[in-house]
Each structure stands twice: as C-alpha cells, then as structure tokens.
Amino acid sequence: MSFFDDKKIIIIGDRDGIPAPAIEECLKDTSADIVFSSTECFV
C-alpha cells in the first residue's frame, strides 16, 4: 500500500524552481490521480 493510493493530486510547479512536469514524472509510477498540473511564475 502506497501513501498515494486513491489520492487526488494537484501539482503547482514554479518556473524558477521545480516545474510541474518534473513533479508529474516523479509521481508517474504511483497510483496517484493527478487532477490538475500547472507551472506558474510567482513574482
């Protein structure tokens, strides 16, 4: 059993930090359901 079993995930990445696609790639092998993913620029 994984921590991400039956979880819905919202990913907000940072343009100058870790972008959302990189976080998605890390969660690819889990059973997490990614419902929203976006990379934003926080100024």
N, C-alpha and C. Protein backbone atom coordinates (compact mmCIF):
# COMPACT_ATOMS: atom_id res chain seq x y z
N MET A 1 0.84 -1.19 0.00
CA MET A 1 0.00 0.00 0.00
C MET A 1 0.88 1.24 0.00
N SER A 2 0.54 2.16 -0.86
CA SER A 2 1.31 3.38 -1.03
C SER A 2 0.59 4.56 -0.37
N PHE A 3 1.34 5.58 -0.04
CA PHE A 3 0.75 6.80 0.51
C PHE A 3 -0.21 7.44 -0.48
N PHE A 4 0.04 7.26 -1.78
CA PHE A 4 -0.74 7.91 -2.82
C PHE A 4 -1.93 7.09 -3.30
N ASP A 5 -2.19 5.93 -2.72
CA ASP A 5 -3.34 5.11 -3.13
C ASP A 5 -4.63 5.89 -2.96
N ASP A 6 -5.43 5.94 -4.02
CA ASP A 6 -6.75 6.60 -4.01
C ASP A 6 -6.69 8.08 -3.62
N LYS A 7 -5.60 8.76 -3.96
CA LYS A 7 -5.48 10.20 -3.67
C LYS A 7 -5.59 10.99 -4.97
N LYS A 8 -6.20 12.15 -4.88
CA LYS A 8 -6.25 13.08 -5.99
C LYS A 8 -5.20 14.16 -5.72
N ILE A 9 -4.37 14.45 -6.71
CA ILE A 9 -3.22 15.32 -6.52
C ILE A 9 -3.35 16.57 -7.40
N ILE A 10 -3.05 17.73 -6.81
CA ILE A 10 -2.94 18.99 -7.53
C ILE A 10 -1.48 19.40 -7.46
N ILE A 11 -0.88 19.64 -8.63
CA ILE A 11 0.54 19.99 -8.69
C ILE A 11 0.66 21.43 -9.18
N ILE A 12 1.33 22.26 -8.39
CA ILE A 12 1.63 23.63 -8.79
C ILE A 12 3.15 23.78 -8.75
N GLY A 13 3.75 23.84 -9.93
CA GLY A 13 5.19 23.98 -10.03
C GLY A 13 5.58 25.45 -10.13
N ASP A 14 6.86 25.70 -9.99
CA ASP A 14 7.39 27.06 -10.06
C ASP A 14 8.35 27.15 -11.24
N ARG A 15 8.23 28.21 -12.02
CA ARG A 15 9.06 28.36 -13.22
C ARG A 15 10.55 28.40 -12.87
N ASP A 16 10.91 29.06 -11.78
CA ASP A 16 12.32 29.18 -11.40
C ASP A 16 12.76 28.09 -10.43
N GLY A 17 11.83 27.25 -10.03
CA GLY A 17 12.14 26.15 -9.10
C GLY A 17 11.95 24.82 -9.79
N ILE A 18 11.01 24.04 -9.30
CA ILE A 18 10.71 22.74 -9.88
C ILE A 18 9.43 22.84 -10.70
N PRO A 19 9.50 22.65 -12.02
CA PRO A 19 8.31 22.75 -12.86
C PRO A 19 7.37 21.55 -12.65
N ALA A 20 6.10 21.75 -12.92
CA ALA A 20 5.08 20.73 -12.71
C ALA A 20 5.36 19.44 -13.48
N PRO A 21 5.82 19.47 -14.73
CA PRO A 21 6.08 18.20 -15.42
C PRO A 21 7.14 17.33 -14.73
N ALA A 22 8.09 17.95 -14.05
CA ALA A 22 9.11 17.19 -13.32
C ALA A 22 8.48 16.48 -12.12
N ILE A 23 7.56 17.15 -11.45
CA ILE A 23 6.88 16.54 -10.31
C ILE A 23 5.97 15.42 -10.79
N GLU A 24 5.28 15.65 -11.92
CA GLU A 24 4.43 14.61 -12.51
C GLU A 24 5.25 13.36 -12.83
N GLU A 25 6.43 13.55 -13.37
CA GLU A 25 7.29 12.42 -13.72
C GLU A 25 7.66 11.60 -12.48
N CYS A 26 7.86 12.26 -11.36
CA CYS A 26 8.18 11.56 -10.12
C CYS A 26 7.00 10.76 -9.60
N LEU A 27 5.79 11.22 -9.87
CA LEU A 27 4.59 10.54 -9.38
C LEU A 27 4.02 9.54 -10.38
N LYS A 28 4.67 9.39 -11.53
CA LYS A 28 4.15 8.56 -12.61
C LYS A 28 3.95 7.10 -12.18
N ASP A 29 4.85 6.56 -11.40
CA ASP A 29 4.78 5.15 -11.02
C ASP A 29 3.91 4.88 -9.79
N THR A 30 3.30 5.91 -9.24
CA THR A 30 2.40 5.73 -8.10
C THR A 30 0.97 5.59 -8.60
N SER A 31 0.07 5.33 -7.69
CA SER A 31 -1.34 5.20 -8.08
C SER A 31 -2.09 6.52 -7.88
N ALA A 32 -1.36 7.62 -7.82
CA ALA A 32 -1.98 8.94 -7.63
C ALA A 32 -2.77 9.35 -8.86
N ASP A 33 -3.88 10.03 -8.64
CA ASP A 33 -4.71 10.56 -9.72
C ASP A 33 -4.44 12.06 -9.80
N ILE A 34 -3.66 12.49 -10.80
CA ILE A 34 -3.30 13.90 -10.96
C ILE A 34 -4.45 14.60 -11.67
N VAL A 35 -5.16 15.47 -10.92
CA VAL A 35 -6.33 16.13 -11.47
C VAL A 35 -6.01 17.50 -12.06
N PHE A 36 -4.90 18.10 -11.64
CA PHE A 36 -4.50 19.41 -12.16
C PHE A 36 -3.00 19.55 -12.02
N SER A 37 -2.38 20.10 -13.07
CA SER A 37 -0.94 20.30 -13.04
C SER A 37 -0.63 21.57 -13.82
N SER A 38 0.12 22.49 -13.20
CA SER A 38 0.44 23.75 -13.85
C SER A 38 1.76 24.28 -13.31
N THR A 39 2.50 24.95 -14.19
CA THR A 39 3.73 25.63 -13.78
C THR A 39 3.44 27.13 -13.83
N GLU A 40 3.65 27.80 -12.72
CA GLU A 40 3.35 29.22 -12.60
C GLU A 40 4.62 30.02 -12.35
N CYS A 41 4.52 31.32 -12.55
CA CYS A 41 5.63 32.23 -12.27
C CYS A 41 5.19 33.12 -11.10
N PHE A 42 5.82 32.93 -9.96
CA PHE A 42 5.49 33.69 -8.77
C PHE A 42 6.48 34.84 -8.63
N VAL A 43 6.01 36.05 -8.76
CA VAL A 43 6.89 37.23 -8.69
C VAL A 43 6.52 38.05 -7.48
